[in-house]
Amino acid sequence: MKHLLISLFLLMSFGVSAQKSTVSSFHVVPLGVKGGIDESNLSAYLVAPSGTNDYICLDAGTIYAGLEKAIANKVFRGSVSEIQKQYIKGYFISHAHLDHVSGLIITSPDDTAKTVYAMPRCMKMLQEYYFNGEAWANFGDEGKGFLLKKYHFKTLAPREKMGIDNTAMQVTAFPLSHVNPFESTAFLVESNGSYILYLGDTGPDEVEKSNQLNLLWQAIAPLIKTNSLKGIFIEVSFPNDQADSKLFGHLTPRWLMKEMNVLAGLTGRGSLKKCPIIITHVKPPATRIAQLKKELIIGNELGLHFIFPTQAKAFQL
């Protein structure tokens, strides 16, 4: 009976819609949703203001395979090359680990001119280790080797809002700790007074001996209170049986709920129910993913609305 109740609760909690309201602010197309070994399905999320094709790509682990599947699912019409060139207006890279940048690197020869955004440390790694004229041609306008100048490398200053080229959106970057002192990034994206928050890989403050998540929660709390934040993309890589000493800068369901309780303390417990939590970077195998989902449901004392995105299946926020 207990297992039946959990199964029913899973069906209710992981519905296909991100919000019950018919009015949406953002259109989301996941090009890749997993962490780990499947190179055809790694972290990359297209986000555009509803009713437009002005997409930005939040991380870029998988591009080509995700667009192929999105076209097959009738999310887009046209070829992969056409969609990448015309619809993706820029790339936001949270950190330079390969599962977050490999799609950008591999597809760059067939791409068109646009902007790559990153915080200083991540941008330095992109230029020194990837787009350096040796590991890969330098398609950027800064760094080593011959500059092909296809991509404009734009370095983001922490906690400073700036416009996103060729869109009506704005972004604010926040540093995260991903195996302290290594940095990752959270991107707060705004469109016409509505926001979404995307977090790259991050460990819990307590394990990382950091306060970066706490500072981020303080910054977004007012947006949750006014229902302006339409969704939080946050990683949960491992189930609860992963030892803290082997988290490697990631979250488990238990640690996610601890962080959500910190956020709820700033916003009021009921406020978070209206802000969907999109779970990213779940690591294979399938048995681990199923266990992780079950643990999130059992530990969901705040009544959060979780979304587990599926590659190439669009949803609204």
Protein backbone atom coordinates (compact mmCIF):
# COMPACT_ATOMS: atom_id res chain seq x y z
CA MET A 1 0.00 0.00 0.00
CA LYS A 2 2.84 2.38 0.89
CA HIS A 3 4.48 1.84 -2.52
CA LEU A 4 1.13 2.46 -4.26
CA LEU A 5 0.68 5.78 -2.44
CA ILE A 6 4.23 6.84 -3.36
CA SER A 7 3.59 5.95 -7.01
CA LEU A 8 0.37 7.98 -7.07
CA PHE A 9 2.13 10.92 -5.44
CA LEU A 10 4.89 10.71 -8.04
CA LEU A 11 2.32 10.93 -10.83
CA MET A 12 0.71 13.99 -9.25
CA SER A 13 3.98 15.74 -8.49
CA PHE A 14 5.78 15.23 -11.81
CA GLY A 15 3.10 16.36 -14.22
CA VAL A 16 3.84 17.55 -17.72
CA SER A 17 2.98 21.17 -17.03
CA ALA A 18 5.29 23.50 -15.18
CA GLN A 19 2.44 25.68 -13.96
CA LYS A 20 -1.29 25.31 -13.65
CA SER A 21 -1.75 28.80 -15.05
CA THR A 22 -2.27 29.10 -18.82
CA VAL A 23 -0.14 32.25 -18.84
CA SER A 24 3.57 31.54 -19.19
CA SER A 25 6.63 33.76 -19.29
CA PHE A 26 9.29 31.39 -20.65
CA HIS A 27 9.49 28.56 -23.18
CA VAL A 28 12.05 25.89 -22.25
CA VAL A 29 13.55 23.22 -24.52
CA PRO A 30 15.95 20.85 -22.74
CA LEU A 31 18.66 19.76 -25.18
CA GLY A 32 20.33 17.63 -22.51
CA VAL A 33 19.31 16.87 -18.94
CA LYS A 34 21.78 14.39 -17.43
CA GLY A 35 25.11 14.48 -15.72
CA GLY A 36 27.60 11.72 -16.25
CA ILE A 37 28.48 9.39 -19.08
CA ASP A 38 25.82 9.81 -21.80
CA GLU A 39 27.49 12.27 -24.17
CA SER A 40 24.26 12.62 -26.19
CA ASN A 41 22.25 13.97 -23.23
CA LEU A 42 24.31 16.41 -21.13
CA SER A 43 23.27 19.66 -19.46
CA ALA A 44 21.91 22.25 -21.94
CA TYR A 45 18.64 24.20 -21.69
CA LEU A 46 17.22 26.54 -24.30
CA VAL A 47 15.15 29.34 -22.74
CA ALA A 48 13.23 32.07 -24.60
CA PRO A 49 10.53 34.56 -23.66
CA SER A 50 7.18 33.00 -24.54
CA GLY A 51 6.07 33.74 -28.06
CA THR A 52 9.60 34.34 -29.37
CA ASN A 53 12.45 32.34 -30.84
CA ASP A 54 15.09 34.39 -29.02
CA TYR A 55 16.66 31.48 -27.14
CA ILE A 56 19.69 31.46 -24.91
CA CYS A 57 21.44 28.20 -24.09
CA LEU A 58 22.11 27.65 -20.39
CA ASP A 59 25.17 25.39 -20.40
CA ALA A 60 26.02 23.54 -23.59
CA GLY A 61 26.95 19.93 -22.85
CA THR A 62 24.80 18.63 -25.73
CA ILE A 63 23.64 20.69 -28.71
CA TYR A 64 23.41 18.65 -31.94
CA ALA A 65 21.81 15.48 -30.54
CA GLY A 66 19.32 17.53 -28.51
CA LEU A 67 18.26 19.63 -31.49
CA GLU A 68 17.88 16.49 -33.62
CA LYS A 69 15.50 15.03 -31.05
CA ALA A 70 13.65 18.33 -30.63
CA ILE A 71 13.05 18.46 -34.39
CA ALA A 72 11.87 14.84 -34.35
CA ASN A 73 9.47 15.80 -31.52
CA LYS A 74 8.19 18.71 -33.67
CA VAL A 75 9.40 21.29 -31.15
CA PHE A 76 11.25 22.99 -34.02
CA ARG A 77 10.96 22.96 -37.80
CA GLY A 78 14.00 22.99 -40.04
CA SER A 79 17.47 21.51 -39.83
CA VAL A 80 19.76 21.36 -36.82
CA SER A 81 22.06 23.88 -38.48
CA GLU A 82 19.22 26.33 -39.16
CA ILE A 83 17.88 26.14 -35.62
CA GLN A 84 21.29 26.56 -34.00
CA LYS A 85 22.25 29.46 -36.23
CA GLN A 86 18.95 31.34 -36.17
CA TYR A 87 17.38 30.64 -32.78
CA ILE A 88 20.25 30.36 -30.29
CA LYS A 89 21.31 33.92 -29.50
CA GLY A 90 24.03 33.12 -26.98
CA TYR A 91 25.55 30.57 -24.62
CA PHE A 92 25.84 30.87 -20.85
CA ILE A 93 28.45 28.51 -19.44
CA SER A 94 28.28 27.91 -15.69
CA HIS A 95 31.70 26.25 -15.45
CA ALA A 96 34.21 24.67 -17.79
CA HIS A 97 33.75 20.97 -17.06
CA LEU A 98 33.35 19.06 -20.30
CA ASP A 99 29.81 17.86 -19.60
CA HIS A 100 28.75 21.53 -19.70
CA VAL A 101 30.74 22.78 -22.71
CA SER A 102 31.39 19.87 -25.10
CA GLY A 103 28.37 20.60 -27.32
CA LEU A 104 29.43 24.21 -27.75
CA ILE A 105 32.96 23.18 -28.71
CA ILE A 106 32.05 20.40 -31.14
CA THR A 107 29.33 22.32 -33.00
CA SER A 108 31.22 25.63 -33.19
CA PRO A 109 32.46 25.12 -36.80
CA ASP A 110 28.85 25.03 -38.04
CA ASP A 111 27.54 27.82 -35.80
CA THR A 112 27.14 31.50 -36.62
CA ALA A 113 28.33 34.66 -34.86
CA LYS A 114 27.00 35.09 -31.31
CA THR A 115 28.10 35.70 -27.75
CA VAL A 116 29.49 33.26 -25.17
CA TYR A 117 28.99 34.46 -21.59
CA ALA A 118 30.86 33.24 -18.52
CA MET A 119 32.31 34.40 -15.23
CA PRO A 120 36.05 35.29 -15.24
CA ARG A 121 37.44 31.95 -14.06
CA CYS A 122 35.28 29.93 -16.45
CA MET A 123 36.08 32.25 -19.36
CA LYS A 124 39.79 31.91 -18.68
CA MET A 125 39.51 28.12 -18.83
CA LEU A 126 37.49 28.23 -22.07
CA GLN A 127 40.21 30.31 -23.68
CA GLU A 128 43.27 28.58 -22.25
CA TYR A 129 42.23 24.92 -22.48
CA TYR A 130 39.62 24.61 -25.25
CA PHE A 131 39.44 27.51 -27.71
CA ASN A 132 43.22 27.92 -27.78
CA GLY A 133 44.20 27.01 -31.33
CA GLU A 134 45.53 23.62 -30.19
CA ALA A 135 42.85 21.61 -28.41
CA TRP A 136 40.36 23.33 -30.74
CA ALA A 137 40.40 26.27 -33.12
CA ASN A 138 39.84 29.59 -31.37
CA PHE A 139 36.42 30.62 -32.65
CA GLY A 140 36.47 33.55 -30.22
CA ASP A 141 37.71 37.11 -30.29
CA GLU A 142 40.12 36.77 -27.35
CA GLY A 143 42.74 34.33 -26.15
CA LYS A 144 45.43 32.22 -27.78
CA GLY A 145 46.12 31.24 -31.37
CA PHE A 146 44.54 32.64 -34.50
CA LEU A 147 41.29 34.44 -33.62
CA LEU A 148 38.46 33.39 -35.93
CA LYS A 149 36.18 35.92 -34.20
CA LYS A 150 32.95 33.99 -34.67
CA TYR A 151 32.12 34.12 -30.97
CA HIS A 152 32.29 37.24 -28.85
CA PHE A 153 33.59 36.24 -25.42
CA LYS A 154 31.77 38.37 -22.84
CA THR A 155 32.96 38.06 -19.24
CA LEU A 156 30.28 38.56 -16.60
CA ALA A 157 30.87 40.47 -13.39
CA PRO A 158 29.28 38.83 -10.33
CA ARG A 159 25.93 40.25 -9.22
CA GLU A 160 25.80 42.87 -11.99
CA LYS A 161 22.78 42.88 -14.30
CA MET A 162 23.48 43.20 -18.01
CA GLY A 163 21.55 42.92 -21.26
CA ILE A 164 21.73 39.77 -23.38
CA ASP A 165 22.76 40.48 -26.97
CA ASN A 166 20.04 40.16 -29.63
CA THR A 167 17.29 39.56 -27.06
CA ALA A 168 15.09 41.62 -24.74
CA MET A 169 16.35 39.63 -21.75
CA GLN A 170 18.79 40.54 -19.01
CA VAL A 171 21.02 38.36 -16.81
CA THR A 172 22.72 38.54 -13.44
CA ALA A 173 25.46 36.02 -12.59
CA PHE A 174 26.13 34.67 -9.09
CA PRO A 175 29.15 32.57 -8.08
CA LEU A 176 28.62 29.05 -6.75
CA SER A 177 30.97 26.63 -5.04
CA HIS A 178 31.64 23.39 -6.91
CA VAL A 179 34.32 21.62 -4.88
CA ASN A 180 35.56 24.73 -3.10
CA PRO A 181 37.50 26.76 -4.24
CA PHE A 182 36.48 25.79 -7.80
CA GLU A 183 33.65 28.00 -9.02
CA SER A 184 30.42 27.41 -10.85
CA THR A 185 27.71 29.95 -11.71
CA ALA A 186 24.01 30.64 -11.25
CA PHE A 187 22.28 32.74 -13.92
CA LEU A 188 19.23 34.84 -13.03
CA VAL A 189 17.48 35.60 -16.32
CA GLU A 190 14.84 38.32 -16.60
CA SER A 191 12.22 38.90 -19.27
CA ASN A 192 9.68 41.69 -18.88
CA GLY A 193 9.63 41.49 -15.08
CA SER A 194 9.59 37.68 -14.90
CA TYR A 195 12.61 35.59 -13.93
CA ILE A 196 14.06 32.10 -14.02
CA LEU A 197 17.10 30.97 -12.04
CA TYR A 198 19.51 28.40 -13.47
CA LEU A 199 22.21 26.92 -11.23
CA GLY A 200 25.21 25.11 -12.61
CA ASP A 201 26.75 22.34 -10.54
CA THR A 202 26.91 23.20 -6.86
CA GLY A 203 27.53 21.54 -3.54
CA PRO A 204 25.69 22.42 -0.32
CA ASP A 205 27.09 25.32 1.67
CA GLU A 206 27.70 23.14 4.72
CA VAL A 207 29.81 20.59 2.85
CA GLU A 208 31.54 23.18 0.66
CA LYS A 209 32.30 25.41 3.67
CA SER A 210 30.85 28.25 1.64
CA ASN A 211 28.06 30.81 1.85
CA GLN A 212 27.45 31.17 -1.89
CA LEU A 213 24.06 29.45 -1.90
CA ASN A 214 22.93 31.44 1.12
CA LEU A 215 23.85 34.69 -0.62
CA LEU A 216 21.97 33.54 -3.73
CA TRP A 217 18.86 32.67 -1.69
CA GLN A 218 18.93 36.11 -0.10
CA ALA A 219 19.12 37.73 -3.55
CA ILE A 220 16.15 35.83 -5.03
CA ALA A 221 13.89 35.73 -1.96
CA PRO A 222 12.10 39.00 -2.87
CA LEU A 223 11.29 37.61 -6.35
CA ILE A 224 9.67 34.54 -4.83
CA LYS A 225 7.57 36.65 -2.46
CA THR A 226 6.17 38.59 -5.43
CA ASN A 227 5.70 35.44 -7.60
CA SER A 228 8.12 36.92 -10.14
CA LEU A 229 10.44 33.90 -10.13
CA LYS A 230 8.90 31.33 -12.46
CA GLY A 231 11.28 28.44 -11.83
CA ILE A 232 14.54 27.30 -10.28
CA PHE A 233 16.75 24.91 -12.25
CA ILE A 234 18.94 23.13 -9.70
CA GLU A 235 21.04 19.99 -9.80
CA VAL A 236 20.52 16.84 -7.74
CA SER A 237 23.18 14.45 -8.95
CA PHE A 238 23.10 11.56 -6.46
CA PRO A 239 20.63 9.79 -4.17
CA ASN A 240 20.98 10.08 -0.41
CA ASP A 241 23.29 7.09 0.00
CA GLN A 242 26.13 9.08 -1.60
CA ALA A 243 28.57 9.93 1.19
CA ASP A 244 29.25 13.62 1.81
CA SER A 245 32.94 12.93 1.21
CA LYS A 246 32.08 11.73 -2.32
CA LEU A 247 29.63 14.43 -3.40
CA PHE A 248 32.34 16.18 -5.49
CA GLY A 249 30.44 19.45 -5.39
CA HIS A 250 26.94 18.11 -6.00
CA LEU A 251 23.59 17.82 -4.20
CA THR A 252 21.47 14.91 -3.00
CA PRO A 253 17.71 15.05 -2.25
CA ARG A 254 18.51 15.49 1.45
CA TRP A 255 20.89 18.36 0.80
CA LEU A 256 18.53 19.99 -1.69
CA MET A 257 15.74 20.00 0.88
CA LYS A 258 18.07 21.47 3.49
CA GLU A 259 18.89 24.31 1.10
CA MET A 260 15.21 24.75 0.21
CA ASN A 261 14.41 25.05 3.89
CA VAL A 262 17.00 27.83 4.14
CA LEU A 263 15.29 29.57 1.22
CA ALA A 264 11.85 28.99 2.74
CA GLY A 265 13.06 30.64 5.93
CA LEU A 266 13.63 33.79 3.88
CA THR A 267 10.40 33.68 1.86
CA GLY A 268 7.85 31.88 4.02
CA ARG A 269 7.15 28.18 3.56
CA GLY A 270 4.07 28.63 1.38
CA SER A 271 5.79 30.91 -1.12
CA LEU A 272 7.94 28.16 -2.63
CA LYS A 273 4.91 26.11 -3.70
CA LYS A 274 4.32 28.56 -6.55
CA CYS A 275 7.88 28.33 -7.88
CA PRO A 276 8.57 25.05 -9.73
CA ILE A 277 11.88 23.33 -8.96
CA ILE A 278 13.39 21.84 -12.13
CA ILE A 279 15.76 19.01 -11.23
CA THR A 280 18.88 18.89 -13.42
CA HIS A 281 22.11 16.91 -13.80
CA VAL A 282 20.78 13.58 -12.50
CA LYS A 283 23.48 10.97 -13.04
CA PRO A 284 22.73 7.54 -14.57
CA PRO A 285 22.01 4.60 -14.17
CA ALA A 286 18.22 4.43 -14.33
CA THR A 287 17.99 2.71 -10.95
CA ARG A 288 19.80 5.65 -9.35
CA ILE A 289 17.46 8.13 -11.03
CA ALA A 290 14.37 6.27 -9.80
CA GLN A 291 15.74 6.17 -6.26
CA LEU A 292 16.57 9.87 -6.36
CA LYS A 293 13.05 10.79 -7.48
CA LYS A 294 11.49 8.68 -4.74
CA GLU A 295 13.69 10.31 -2.09
CA LEU A 296 12.72 13.77 -3.28
CA ILE A 297 9.04 12.94 -2.95
CA ILE A 298 9.39 11.36 0.49
CA GLY A 299 11.41 14.32 1.77
CA ASN A 300 9.18 17.00 0.24
CA GLU A 301 7.81 18.46 3.46
CA LEU A 302 7.61 21.93 1.87
CA GLY A 303 5.14 20.77 -0.78
CA LEU A 304 7.41 21.81 -3.65
CA HIS A 305 6.40 21.27 -7.27
CA PHE A 306 9.23 19.28 -8.86
CA ILE A 307 9.76 18.95 -12.59
CA PHE A 308 12.05 16.30 -14.06
CA PRO A 309 12.73 17.55 -17.59
CA THR A 310 13.03 15.13 -20.49
CA GLN A 311 15.44 15.72 -23.35
CA ALA A 312 13.80 17.51 -26.32
CA LYS A 313 10.38 17.84 -24.64
CA ALA A 314 9.46 21.51 -24.27
CA PHE A 315 7.64 23.01 -21.32
CA GLN A 316 6.45 26.40 -20.15
CA LEU A 317 7.27 28.41 -17.01
